[in-house]
Amino acid sequence: MTVQASHLVSQTLENTAPLRPVVLSTWRHGLAANAEAWKILSSGGRALDAVEQGVRICESDPNNLSVGYGGLPDREGNVTLDACIMDETGDCGSVAFLQHIEHPVSVARRVMEATPHVMLVGEGALKFAVVNGFKKKDLLTNKAKKEWEKWQADHPDAIKDRQVNIENHDTIGLVAIDNKGNMSGACTTSGMAWKLNGRVGDSPIIGAGLYVDNEIGAASATGVGEAVIRAVGSFLVVELMRQGHSPQNACRLATERVIRKNPGWQKLQVGFIALDKMGRVGGYSIQPGFDYAVYDHAGRNRMVQAKSRL
């Protein structure tokens, strides 16, 4: 897009009434997350509180095999969680490879608000959580354990086996704009099933799994995290919106960048969602089957089937 065209887009948006509040999240489990976030936004609350409380719903759902309590473990049987959160000022917090804590997104917010750091990982993140009042919990449910035991039986040399479950990557990424026009986002996951112990994906990485710029918009990613990291995906989506692209086109162009950065992309799934300052939304993915949940200013909480490259 030329500078002149971008300027024309900016002028058009300036003359358009913004749609607020809006909540946007990945996958069907986003409907429940959106509903919780809407309770805060509809009463005039802050987007940051809304995104945190929204994704906590998914973190506590034992039937969700890709997020929080009930998430599928790594190949050694450990449930390890990643999460991040970002507010309208650009402040952010993150935790990675966190065990035994049901709500990593809330630990990430505590990192953001109570430390000079952005990210804590592993044992350090767990110690920080416990000191700050978070209770330890066994996160491996019977359902997830049975899935892991079945995988182990099929992969007797699991430690050396290079195979992972790239299909289990249904991260919950949630972005929102409140009545004041402020934006925030959160992203949380148990990561790729059967991953190597210590693996961290894109979800807790600011700029990869999530990015928020209060002047422009917010974006989140889902799918194979390694592919998203290589393209700094969510930051890219926001920067494309900064250049004047709609949320929908920004997600498409970012997906094309992921494709160029990842040989063998035909076997990968990566999807993006985006929300701009005017309340417009978009989503796009490599493979068909990606959908996202939108709770709009008119009070409708609905699913949208994303367009895809294949």
C-alpha atoms as a PDB file:
ATOM      1  CA  MET A   1       0.000   0.000   0.000  1.00  0.00           C
ATOM      2  CA  THR A   2       1.372   3.446  -0.914  1.00  0.00           C
ATOM      3  CA  VAL A   3       1.778   6.257   1.618  1.00  0.00           C
ATOM      4  CA  GLN A   4      -1.061   8.123  -0.116  1.00  0.00           C
ATOM      5  CA  ALA A   5      -3.359   5.094   0.027  1.00  0.00           C
ATOM      6  CA  SER A   6      -2.519   4.534   3.680  1.00  0.00           C
ATOM      7  CA  HIS A   7      -3.338   8.166   4.417  1.00  0.00           C
ATOM      8  CA  LEU A   8      -6.720   7.791   2.702  1.00  0.00           C
ATOM      9  CA  VAL A   9      -7.479   4.707   4.808  1.00  0.00           C
ATOM     10  CA  SER A  10      -6.560   6.621   7.969  1.00  0.00           C
ATOM     11  CA  GLN A  11      -8.833   9.516   6.977  1.00  0.00           C
ATOM     12  CA  THR A  12     -11.717   7.097   6.333  1.00  0.00           C
ATOM     13  CA  LEU A  13     -11.298   5.484   9.731  1.00  0.00           C
ATOM     14  CA  GLU A  14     -11.137   8.853  11.460  1.00  0.00           C
ATOM     15  CA  ASN A  15     -14.592   9.627  10.025  1.00  0.00           C
ATOM     16  CA  THR A  16     -16.054   6.290  11.121  1.00  0.00           C
ATOM     17  CA  ALA A  17     -17.653   5.783  14.531  1.00  0.00           C
ATOM     18  CA  PRO A  18     -15.712   3.165  16.525  1.00  0.00           C
ATOM     19  CA  LEU A  19     -17.449  -0.057  17.587  1.00  0.00           C
ATOM     20  CA  ARG A  20     -16.968  -0.655  21.306  1.00  0.00           C
ATOM     21  CA  PRO A  21     -16.650  -2.827  23.252  1.00  0.00           C
ATOM     22  CA  VAL A  22     -15.529  -5.872  21.245  1.00  0.00           C
ATOM     23  CA  VAL A  23     -13.988  -9.186  22.303  1.00  0.00           C
ATOM     24  CA  LEU A  24     -12.249 -11.534  19.883  1.00  0.00           C
ATOM     25  CA  SER A  25     -10.747 -14.942  20.665  1.00  0.00           C
ATOM     26  CA  THR A  26      -9.488 -18.108  18.999  1.00  0.00           C
ATOM     27  CA  TRP A  27     -11.443 -21.327  18.517  1.00  0.00           C
ATOM     28  CA  ARG A  28     -14.838 -22.442  19.828  1.00  0.00           C
ATOM     29  CA  HIS A  29     -13.718 -22.407  23.463  1.00  0.00           C
ATOM     30  CA  GLY A  30     -13.449 -18.675  22.895  1.00  0.00           C
ATOM     31  CA  LEU A  31     -17.231 -18.376  23.211  1.00  0.00           C
ATOM     32  CA  ALA A  32     -17.093 -19.072  26.950  1.00  0.00           C
ATOM     33  CA  ALA A  33     -14.024 -16.873  27.344  1.00  0.00           C
ATOM     34  CA  ASN A  34     -15.747 -14.036  25.492  1.00  0.00           C
ATOM     35  CA  ALA A  35     -18.854 -14.345  27.650  1.00  0.00           C
ATOM     36  CA  GLU A  36     -16.788 -13.938  30.817  1.00  0.00           C
ATOM     37  CA  ALA A  37     -14.857 -11.009  29.375  1.00  0.00           C
ATOM     38  CA  TRP A  38     -18.120  -9.366  28.314  1.00  0.00           C
ATOM     39  CA  LYS A  39     -19.366  -9.280  31.896  1.00  0.00           C
ATOM     40  CA  ILE A  40     -16.555  -6.836  32.654  1.00  0.00           C
ATOM     41  CA  LEU A  41     -16.676  -4.828  29.439  1.00  0.00           C
ATOM     42  CA  SER A  42     -20.457  -4.397  29.440  1.00  0.00           C
ATOM     43  CA  SER A  43     -20.287  -2.842  32.891  1.00  0.00           C
ATOM     44  CA  GLY A  44     -17.638  -0.336  31.836  1.00  0.00           C
ATOM     45  CA  GLY A  45     -14.655  -2.347  33.011  1.00  0.00           C
ATOM     46  CA  ARG A  46     -11.094  -2.326  31.763  1.00  0.00           C
ATOM     47  CA  ALA A  47     -10.008  -4.452  28.802  1.00  0.00           C
ATOM     48  CA  LEU A  48      -7.065  -5.833  30.802  1.00  0.00           C
ATOM     49  CA  ASP A  49      -9.360  -7.290  33.447  1.00  0.00           C
ATOM     50  CA  ALA A  50     -11.647  -8.651  30.754  1.00  0.00           C
ATOM     51  CA  VAL A  51      -8.959 -10.546  28.849  1.00  0.00           C
ATOM     52  CA  GLU A  52      -7.501 -12.049  32.015  1.00  0.00           C
ATOM     53  CA  GLN A  53     -10.835 -13.253  33.361  1.00  0.00           C
ATOM     54  CA  GLY A  54     -11.882 -14.483  29.942  1.00  0.00           C
ATOM     55  CA  VAL A  55      -8.976 -16.847  29.366  1.00  0.00           C
ATOM     56  CA  ARG A  56      -9.086 -18.077  32.972  1.00  0.00           C
ATOM     57  CA  ILE A  57     -12.332 -19.827  32.006  1.00  0.00           C
ATOM     58  CA  CYS A  58     -10.416 -21.963  29.515  1.00  0.00           C
ATOM     59  CA  GLU A  59      -7.544 -22.525  31.932  1.00  0.00           C
ATOM     60  CA  SER A  60      -9.973 -24.120  34.408  1.00  0.00           C
ATOM     61  CA  ASP A  61     -11.794 -26.325  31.915  1.00  0.00           C
ATOM     62  CA  PRO A  62     -10.678 -29.958  32.420  1.00  0.00           C
ATOM     63  CA  ASN A  63     -12.164 -30.903  29.040  1.00  0.00           C
ATOM     64  CA  ASN A  64      -9.893 -28.518  27.178  1.00  0.00           C
ATOM     65  CA  LEU A  65      -6.851 -30.607  26.222  1.00  0.00           C
ATOM     66  CA  SER A  66      -4.743 -27.693  25.021  1.00  0.00           C
ATOM     67  CA  VAL A  67      -5.049 -25.104  27.798  1.00  0.00           C
ATOM     68  CA  GLY A  68      -4.432 -25.110  31.548  1.00  0.00           C
ATOM     69  CA  TYR A  69      -5.897 -27.743  33.840  1.00  0.00           C
ATOM     70  CA  GLY A  70      -6.504 -30.812  31.702  1.00  0.00           C
ATOM     71  CA  GLY A  71      -3.951 -29.881  29.060  1.00  0.00           C
ATOM     72  CA  LEU A  72      -2.060 -32.746  27.446  1.00  0.00           C
ATOM     73  CA  PRO A  73       1.439 -33.225  28.894  1.00  0.00           C
ATOM     74  CA  ASP A  74       4.901 -33.372  27.374  1.00  0.00           C
ATOM     75  CA  ARG A  75       6.347 -36.775  26.511  1.00  0.00           C
ATOM     76  CA  GLU A  76       7.512 -37.251  30.107  1.00  0.00           C
ATOM     77  CA  GLY A  77       4.015 -36.719  31.510  1.00  0.00           C
ATOM     78  CA  ASN A  78       4.461 -33.147  32.750  1.00  0.00           C
ATOM     79  CA  VAL A  79       1.792 -30.520  32.133  1.00  0.00           C
ATOM     80  CA  THR A  80       3.725 -27.310  31.447  1.00  0.00           C
ATOM     81  CA  LEU A  81       1.951 -24.036  30.787  1.00  0.00           C
ATOM     82  CA  ASP A  82       2.795 -20.838  28.919  1.00  0.00           C
ATOM     83  CA  ALA A  83       0.931 -17.525  29.055  1.00  0.00           C
ATOM     84  CA  CYS A  84       1.275 -13.807  28.518  1.00  0.00           C
ATOM     85  CA  ILE A  85      -0.762 -10.644  28.933  1.00  0.00           C
ATOM     86  CA  MET A  86      -0.373  -7.106  27.568  1.00  0.00           C
ATOM     87  CA  ASP A  87      -2.201  -3.873  28.380  1.00  0.00           C
ATOM     88  CA  GLU A  88      -2.991  -0.582  26.676  1.00  0.00           C
ATOM     89  CA  THR A  89       0.251   1.068  27.810  1.00  0.00           C
ATOM     90  CA  GLY A  90       2.443  -1.604  26.217  1.00  0.00           C
ATOM     91  CA  ASP A  91       3.235  -3.121  29.597  1.00  0.00           C
ATOM     92  CA  CYS A  92       3.349  -6.904  29.528  1.00  0.00           C
ATOM     93  CA  GLY A  93       4.091 -10.023  31.547  1.00  0.00           C
ATOM     94  CA  SER A  94       4.760 -13.625  30.681  1.00  0.00           C
ATOM     95  CA  VAL A  95       5.446 -17.059  32.154  1.00  0.00           C
ATOM     96  CA  ALA A  96       6.753 -20.151  30.397  1.00  0.00           C
ATOM     97  CA  PHE A  97       7.346 -23.791  31.314  1.00  0.00           C
ATOM     98  CA  LEU A  98       5.242 -23.226  34.446  1.00  0.00           C
ATOM     99  CA  GLN A  99       3.968 -26.301  36.293  1.00  0.00           C
ATOM    100  CA  HIS A 100       1.387 -26.895  39.052  1.00  0.00           C
ATOM    101  CA  ILE A 101      -0.412 -23.536  38.700  1.00  0.00           C
ATOM    102  CA  GLU A 102      -3.916 -23.490  37.242  1.00  0.00           C
ATOM    103  CA  HIS A 103      -3.923 -19.869  36.068  1.00  0.00           C
ATOM    104  CA  PRO A 104      -0.649 -18.951  34.370  1.00  0.00           C
ATOM    105  CA  VAL A 105      -2.237 -15.850  32.838  1.00  0.00           C
ATOM    106  CA  SER A 106      -2.754 -14.385  36.307  1.00  0.00           C
ATOM    107  CA  VAL A 107       0.842 -15.178  37.216  1.00  0.00           C
ATOM    108  CA  ALA A 108       1.884 -13.396  34.010  1.00  0.00           C
ATOM    109  CA  ARG A 109      -0.131 -10.354  35.064  1.00  0.00           C
ATOM    110  CA  ARG A 110       1.551 -10.435  38.459  1.00  0.00           C
ATOM    111  CA  VAL A 111       4.950 -10.523  36.734  1.00  0.00           C
ATOM    112  CA  MET A 112       3.883  -7.467  34.741  1.00  0.00           C
ATOM    113  CA  GLU A 113       2.633  -5.490  37.708  1.00  0.00           C
ATOM    114  CA  ALA A 114       4.973  -6.526  40.530  1.00  0.00           C
ATOM    115  CA  THR A 115       8.387  -7.022  38.921  1.00  0.00           C
ATOM    116  CA  PRO A 116      10.747  -5.129  36.596  1.00  0.00           C
ATOM    117  CA  HIS A 117      10.730  -8.153  34.272  1.00  0.00           C
ATOM    118  CA  VAL A 118       8.600  -9.343  31.367  1.00  0.00           C
ATOM    119  CA  MET A 119       9.122 -13.121  31.554  1.00  0.00           C
ATOM    120  CA  LEU A 120       9.743 -15.719  34.250  1.00  0.00           C
ATOM    121  CA  VAL A 121      10.174 -19.401  33.436  1.00  0.00           C
ATOM    122  CA  GLY A 122      10.291 -22.839  35.030  1.00  0.00           C
ATOM    123  CA  GLU A 123      11.163 -23.192  38.680  1.00  0.00           C
ATOM    124  CA  GLY A 124      11.623 -19.453  39.049  1.00  0.00           C
ATOM    125  CA  ALA A 125       8.125 -18.788  37.755  1.00  0.00           C
ATOM    126  CA  LEU A 126       6.689 -21.436  40.094  1.00  0.00           C
ATOM    127  CA  LYS A 127       8.473 -19.997  43.136  1.00  0.00           C
ATOM    128  CA  PHE A 128       7.240 -16.534  42.207  1.00  0.00           C
ATOM    129  CA  ALA A 129       3.676 -17.796  41.869  1.00  0.00           C
ATOM    130  CA  VAL A 130       3.690 -19.567  45.231  1.00  0.00           C
ATOM    131  CA  VAL A 131       5.199 -16.577  47.030  1.00  0.00           C
ATOM    132  CA  ASN A 132       2.438 -14.449  45.528  1.00  0.00           C
ATOM    133  CA  GLY A 133      -0.318 -16.684  46.862  1.00  0.00           C
ATOM    134  CA  PHE A 134      -1.041 -19.004  43.955  1.00  0.00           C
ATOM    135  CA  LYS A 135      -1.845 -22.557  45.078  1.00  0.00           C
ATOM    136  CA  LYS A 136      -0.108 -25.585  43.618  1.00  0.00           C
ATOM    137  CA  LYS A 137      -2.317 -28.147  41.917  1.00  0.00           C
ATOM    138  CA  ASP A 138      -1.911 -31.398  40.026  1.00  0.00           C
ATOM    139  CA  LEU A 139      -2.824 -30.371  36.475  1.00  0.00           C
ATOM    140  CA  LEU A 140      -2.741 -33.846  34.896  1.00  0.00           C
ATOM    141  CA  THR A 141      -6.345 -35.022  34.743  1.00  0.00           C
ATOM    142  CA  ASN A 142      -7.297 -38.682  34.321  1.00  0.00           C
ATOM    143  CA  LYS A 143      -8.459 -37.944  30.784  1.00  0.00           C
ATOM    144  CA  ALA A 144      -5.144 -36.358  29.799  1.00  0.00           C
ATOM    145  CA  LYS A 145      -3.180 -39.084  31.570  1.00  0.00           C
ATOM    146  CA  LYS A 146      -4.968 -41.805  29.597  1.00  0.00           C
ATOM    147  CA  GLU A 147      -4.163 -39.994  26.344  1.00  0.00           C
ATOM    148  CA  TRP A 148      -0.520 -39.760  27.370  1.00  0.00           C
ATOM    149  CA  GLU A 149      -0.337 -43.424  28.348  1.00  0.00           C
ATOM    150  CA  LYS A 150      -1.782 -44.397  24.985  1.00  0.00           C
ATOM    151  CA  TRP A 151       0.803 -42.251  23.220  1.00  0.00           C
ATOM    152  CA  GLN A 152       3.585 -43.799  25.304  1.00  0.00           C
ATOM    153  CA  ALA A 153       2.434 -47.304  24.371  1.00  0.00           C
ATOM    154  CA  ASP A 154       2.560 -46.353  20.698  1.00  0.00           C
ATOM    155  CA  HIS A 155       5.981 -44.706  21.089  1.00  0.00           C
ATOM    156  CA  PRO A 156       8.147 -46.938  23.323  1.00  0.00           C
ATOM    157  CA  ASP A 157      11.279 -44.909  22.597  1.00  0.00           C
ATOM    158  CA  ALA A 158       9.524 -41.679  23.468  1.00  0.00           C
ATOM    159  CA  ILE A 159      12.553 -39.693  24.638  1.00  0.00           C
ATOM    160  CA  LYS A 160      14.278 -40.066  21.254  1.00  0.00           C
ATOM    161  CA  ASP A 161      11.130 -40.031  19.116  1.00  0.00           C
ATOM    162  CA  ARG A 162      10.945 -36.869  17.004  1.00  0.00           C
ATOM    163  CA  GLN A 163       7.190 -37.109  16.501  1.00  0.00           C
ATOM    164  CA  VAL A 164       4.947 -34.635  18.304  1.00  0.00           C
ATOM    165  CA  ASN A 165       1.255 -33.907  18.018  1.00  0.00           C
ATOM    166  CA  ILE A 166       1.149 -30.789  15.885  1.00  0.00           C
ATOM    167  CA  GLU A 167      -2.651 -31.025  15.794  1.00  0.00           C
ATOM    168  CA  ASN A 168      -3.021 -30.207  19.498  1.00  0.00           C
ATOM    169  CA  HIS A 169      -2.296 -26.500  19.461  1.00  0.00           C
ATOM    170  CA  ASP A 170      -5.660 -24.885  20.159  1.00  0.00           C
ATOM    171  CA  THR A 171      -4.312 -21.983  22.156  1.00  0.00           C
ATOM    172  CA  ILE A 172      -6.786 -19.474  23.581  1.00  0.00           C
ATOM    173  CA  GLY A 173      -5.741 -16.025  22.452  1.00  0.00           C
ATOM    174  CA  LEU A 174      -8.119 -13.199  23.397  1.00  0.00           C
ATOM    175  CA  VAL A 175      -7.994  -9.495  22.557  1.00  0.00           C
ATOM    176  CA  ALA A 176     -10.472  -6.800  23.511  1.00  0.00           C
ATOM    177  CA  ILE A 177     -11.273  -3.115  23.305  1.00  0.00           C
ATOM    178  CA  ASP A 178     -13.256  -1.455  26.086  1.00  0.00           C
ATOM    179  CA  ASN A 179     -15.673   1.487  26.142  1.00  0.00           C
ATOM    180  CA  LYS A 180     -12.793   3.917  26.646  1.00  0.00           C
ATOM    181  CA  GLY A 181     -11.077   2.652  23.518  1.00  0.00           C
ATOM    182  CA  ASN A 182      -8.293   0.913  25.403  1.00  0.00           C
ATOM    183  CA  MET A 183      -7.057  -2.463  24.198  1.00  0.00           C
ATOM    184  CA  SER A 184      -5.481  -5.462  25.929  1.00  0.00           C
ATOM    185  CA  GLY A 185      -4.779  -9.092  25.127  1.00  0.00           C
ATOM    186  CA  ALA A 186      -3.974 -12.423  26.758  1.00  0.00           C
ATOM    187  CA  CYS A 187      -2.773 -15.777  25.476  1.00  0.00           C
ATOM    188  CA  THR A 188      -2.487 -19.067  27.375  1.00  0.00           C
ATOM    189  CA  THR A 189      -1.784 -22.689  26.475  1.00  0.00           C
ATOM    190  CA  SER A 190      -0.449 -26.052  27.602  1.00  0.00           C
ATOM    191  CA  GLY A 191       1.407 -26.168  24.326  1.00  0.00           C
ATOM    192  CA  MET A 192       1.997 -28.928  21.844  1.00  0.00           C
ATOM    193  CA  ALA A 193       1.133 -32.391  23.124  1.00  0.00           C
ATOM    194  CA  TRP A 194       4.050 -34.800  23.589  1.00  0.00           C
ATOM    195  CA  LYS A 195       6.581 -31.989  23.184  1.00  0.00           C
ATOM    196  CA  LEU A 196      10.129 -32.361  24.454  1.00  0.00           C
ATOM    197  CA  ASN A 197      10.417 -31.426  28.107  1.00  0.00           C
ATOM    198  CA  GLY A 198      11.321 -27.755  28.258  1.00  0.00           C
ATOM    199  CA  ARG A 199       9.788 -26.776  24.936  1.00  0.00           C
ATOM    200  CA  VAL A 200       8.206 -23.315  24.787  1.00  0.00           C
ATOM    201  CA  GLY A 201       6.066 -22.155  21.886  1.00  0.00           C
ATOM    202  CA  ASP A 202       4.935 -18.747  20.696  1.00  0.00           C
ATOM    203  CA  SER A 203       2.129 -18.194  23.211  1.00  0.00           C
ATOM    204  CA  PRO A 204       4.153 -16.549  26.011  1.00  0.00           C
ATOM    205  CA  ILE A 205       6.372 -14.559  23.637  1.00  0.00           C
ATOM    206  CA  ILE A 206       5.329 -10.937  23.221  1.00  0.00           C
ATOM    207  CA  GLY A 207       5.242 -10.178  19.505  1.00  0.00           C
ATOM    208  CA  ALA A 208       4.837 -13.803  18.488  1.00  0.00           C
ATOM    209  CA  GLY A 209       1.760 -15.213  20.247  1.00  0.00           C
ATOM    210  CA  LEU A 210       0.323 -11.813  21.217  1.00  0.00           C
ATOM    211  CA  TYR A 211       0.847  -8.136  20.559  1.00  0.00           C
ATOM    212  CA  VAL A 212      -1.108  -5.005  21.498  1.00  0.00           C
ATOM    213  CA  ASP A 213      -0.562  -1.437  20.306  1.00  0.00           C
ATOM    214  CA  ASN A 214      -3.230   0.846  21.701  1.00  0.00           C
ATOM    215  CA  GLU A 215      -2.883   3.276  18.792  1.00  0.00           C
ATOM    216  CA  ILE A 216      -3.469   0.619  16.149  1.00  0.00           C
ATOM    217  CA  GLY A 217      -4.853  -2.723  17.301  1.00  0.00           C
ATOM    218  CA  ALA A 218      -4.133  -6.135  18.751  1.00  0.00           C
ATOM    219  CA  ALA A 219      -3.463  -9.615  17.394  1.00  0.00           C
ATOM    220  CA  SER A 220      -2.972 -13.154  18.616  1.00  0.00           C
ATOM    221  CA  ALA A 221      -1.793 -16.375  17.010  1.00  0.00           C
ATOM    222  CA  THR A 222      -2.619 -20.051  17.264  1.00  0.00           C
ATOM    223  CA  GLY A 223      -1.110 -23.127  15.691  1.00  0.00           C
ATOM    224  CA  VAL A 224       2.430 -24.466  15.490  1.00  0.00           C
ATOM    225  CA  GLY A 225       4.349 -22.020  17.656  1.00  0.00           C
ATOM    226  CA  GLU A 226       7.726 -22.533  16.048  1.00  0.00           C
ATOM    227  CA  ALA A 227       6.310 -21.303  12.725  1.00  0.00           C
ATOM    228  CA  VAL A 228       4.750 -18.238  14.368  1.00  0.00           C
ATOM    229  CA  ILE A 229       7.994 -17.347  16.157  1.00  0.00           C
ATOM    230  CA  ARG A 230       9.966 -17.394  12.910  1.00  0.00           C
ATOM    231  CA  ALA A 231       7.714 -14.662  11.529  1.00  0.00           C
ATOM    232  CA  VAL A 232       7.152 -12.701  14.796  1.00  0.00           C
ATOM    233  CA  GLY A 233       3.552 -13.191  13.748  1.00  0.00           C
ATOM    234  CA  SER A 234       1.329 -11.111  16.014  1.00  0.00           C
ATOM    235  CA  PHE A 235       3.628  -8.088  15.888  1.00  0.00           C
ATOM    236  CA  LEU A 236       3.609  -8.404  12.116  1.00  0.00           C
ATOM    237  CA  VAL A 237      -0.202  -8.372  12.010  1.00  0.00           C
ATOM    238  CA  VAL A 238      -0.314  -5.166  14.057  1.00  0.00           C
ATOM    239  CA  GLU A 239       2.368  -3.510  11.926  1.00  0.00           C
ATOM    240  CA  LEU A 240       0.423  -4.370   8.785  1.00  0.00           C
ATOM    241  CA  MET A 241      -2.629  -2.702  10.315  1.00  0.00           C
ATOM    242  CA  ARG A 242      -0.417   0.296  11.080  1.00  0.00           C
ATOM    243  CA  GLN A 243       0.347   0.491   7.358  1.00  0.00           C
ATOM    244  CA  GLY A 244      -3.380   0.770   6.650  1.00  0.00           C
ATOM    245  CA  HIS A 245      -4.440  -2.830   6.078  1.00  0.00           C
ATOM    246  CA  SER A 246      -7.714  -4.054   7.511  1.00  0.00           C
ATOM    247  CA  PRO A 247      -7.532  -6.678  10.298  1.00  0.00           C
ATOM    248  CA  GLN A 248      -8.632  -9.318   7.795  1.00  0.00           C
ATOM    249  CA  ASN A 249      -5.998  -8.442   5.203  1.00  0.00           C
ATOM    250  CA  ALA A 250      -3.302  -8.063   7.862  1.00  0.00           C
ATOM    251  CA  CYS A 251      -3.989 -11.615   9.067  1.00  0.00           C
ATOM    252  CA  ARG A 252      -3.815 -12.898   5.497  1.00  0.00           C
ATOM    253  CA  LEU A 253      -0.541 -11.157   4.732  1.00  0.00           C
ATOM    254  CA  ALA A 254       1.013 -12.340   7.992  1.00  0.00           C
ATOM    255  CA  THR A 255      -0.017 -15.900   7.167  1.00  0.00           C
ATOM    256  CA  GLU A 256       1.699 -15.540   3.791  1.00  0.00           C
ATOM    257  CA  ARG A 257       4.856 -14.440   5.618  1.00  0.00           C
ATOM    258  CA  VAL A 258       4.674 -17.533   7.825  1.00  0.00           C
ATOM    259  CA  ILE A 259       4.399 -19.649   4.693  1.00  0.00           C
ATOM    260  CA  ARG A 260       7.502 -18.046   3.178  1.00  0.00           C
ATOM    261  CA  LYS A 261       9.484 -18.577   6.385  1.00  0.00           C
ATOM    262  CA  ASN A 262       8.568 -22.249   6.815  1.00  0.00           C
ATOM    263  CA  PRO A 263       9.432 -24.890   4.201  1.00  0.00           C
ATOM    264  CA  GLY A 264       6.901 -27.685   4.383  1.00  0.00           C
ATOM    265  CA  TRP A 265       4.202 -25.222   5.409  1.00  0.00           C
ATOM    266  CA  GLN A 266       1.533 -27.358   3.749  1.00  0.00           C
ATOM    267  CA  LYS A 267       1.644 -29.653   6.784  1.00  0.00           C
ATOM    268  CA  LEU A 268       1.371 -26.813   9.318  1.00  0.00           C
ATOM    269  CA  GLN A 269      -1.578 -24.999  10.809  1.00  0.00           C
ATOM    270  CA  VAL A 270      -1.156 -21.389  11.871  1.00  0.00           C
ATOM    271  CA  GLY A 271      -3.962 -18.900  12.357  1.00  0.00           C
ATOM    272  CA  PHE A 272      -4.185 -15.241  13.323  1.00  0.00           C
ATOM    273  CA  ILE A 273      -6.930 -13.043  14.741  1.00  0.00           C
ATOM    274  CA  ALA A 274      -6.838  -9.245  14.777  1.00  0.00           C
ATOM    275  CA  LEU A 275      -8.846  -6.384  16.235  1.00  0.00           C
ATOM    276  CA  ASP A 276      -8.222  -2.778  15.271  1.00  0.00           C
ATOM    277  CA  LYS A 277      -8.830   0.471  17.107  1.00  0.00           C
ATOM    278  CA  MET A 278     -12.166   0.950  15.346  1.00  0.00           C
ATOM    279  CA  GLY A 279     -13.467  -2.418  16.542  1.00  0.00           C
ATOM    280  CA  ARG A 280     -13.114  -4.201  13.201  1.00  0.00           C
ATOM    281  CA  VAL A 281     -12.004  -7.852  13.343  1.00  0.00           C
ATOM    282  CA  GLY A 282     -10.374 -10.397  11.081  1.00  0.00           C
ATOM    283  CA  GLY A 283      -8.933 -13.883  10.996  1.00  0.00           C
ATOM    284  CA  TYR A 284      -7.013 -16.088   8.572  1.00  0.00           C
ATOM    285  CA  SER A 285      -5.158 -19.407   8.619  1.00  0.00           C
ATOM    286  CA  ILE A 286      -3.073 -21.763   6.509  1.00  0.00           C
ATOM    287  CA  GLN A 287      -5.395 -24.775   6.748  1.00  0.00           C
ATOM    288  CA  PRO A 288      -9.191 -24.748   6.656  1.00  0.00           C
ATOM    289  CA  GLY A 289     -10.971 -25.441   9.926  1.00  0.00           C
ATOM    290  CA  PHE A 290      -9.801 -22.480  12.000  1.00  0.00           C
ATOM    291  CA  ASP A 291     -12.633 -20.500  13.556  1.00  0.00           C
ATOM    292  CA  TYR A 292     -12.789 -17.649  16.025  1.00  0.00           C
ATOM    293  CA  ALA A 293     -15.313 -16.151  18.422  1.00  0.00           C
ATOM    294  CA  VAL A 294     -16.499 -12.546  18.286  1.00  0.00           C
ATOM    295  CA  TYR A 295     -18.556 -10.770  20.934  1.00  0.00           C
ATOM    296  CA  ASP A 296     -19.455  -7.446  19.366  1.00  0.00           C
ATOM    297  CA  HIS A 297     -20.823  -4.128  20.535  1.00  0.00           C
ATOM    298  CA  ALA A 298     -24.344  -5.259  19.625  1.00  0.00           C
ATOM    299  CA  GLY A 299     -24.186  -8.019  22.220  1.00  0.00           C
ATOM    300  CA  ARG A 300     -23.788 -10.970  19.830  1.00  0.00           C
ATOM    301  CA  ASN A 301     -21.365 -13.765  20.739  1.00  0.00           C
ATOM    302  CA  ARG A 302     -20.828 -15.825  17.606  1.00  0.00           C
ATOM    303  CA  MET A 303     -18.406 -18.040  15.720  1.00  0.00           C
ATOM    304  CA  VAL A 304     -16.780 -17.023  12.448  1.00  0.00           C
ATOM    305  CA  GLN A 305     -15.150 -19.498  10.073  1.00  0.00           C
ATOM    306  CA  ALA A 306     -11.797 -18.059   9.031  1.00  0.00           C
ATOM    307  CA  LYS A 307     -10.694 -17.943   5.415  1.00  0.00           C
ATOM    308  CA  SER A 308      -7.598 -19.986   4.687  1.00  0.00           C
ATOM    309  CA  ARG A 309      -4.787 -20.352   2.192  1.00  0.00           C
ATOM    310  CA  LEU A 310      -5.557 -24.020   1.447  1.00  0.00           C
END
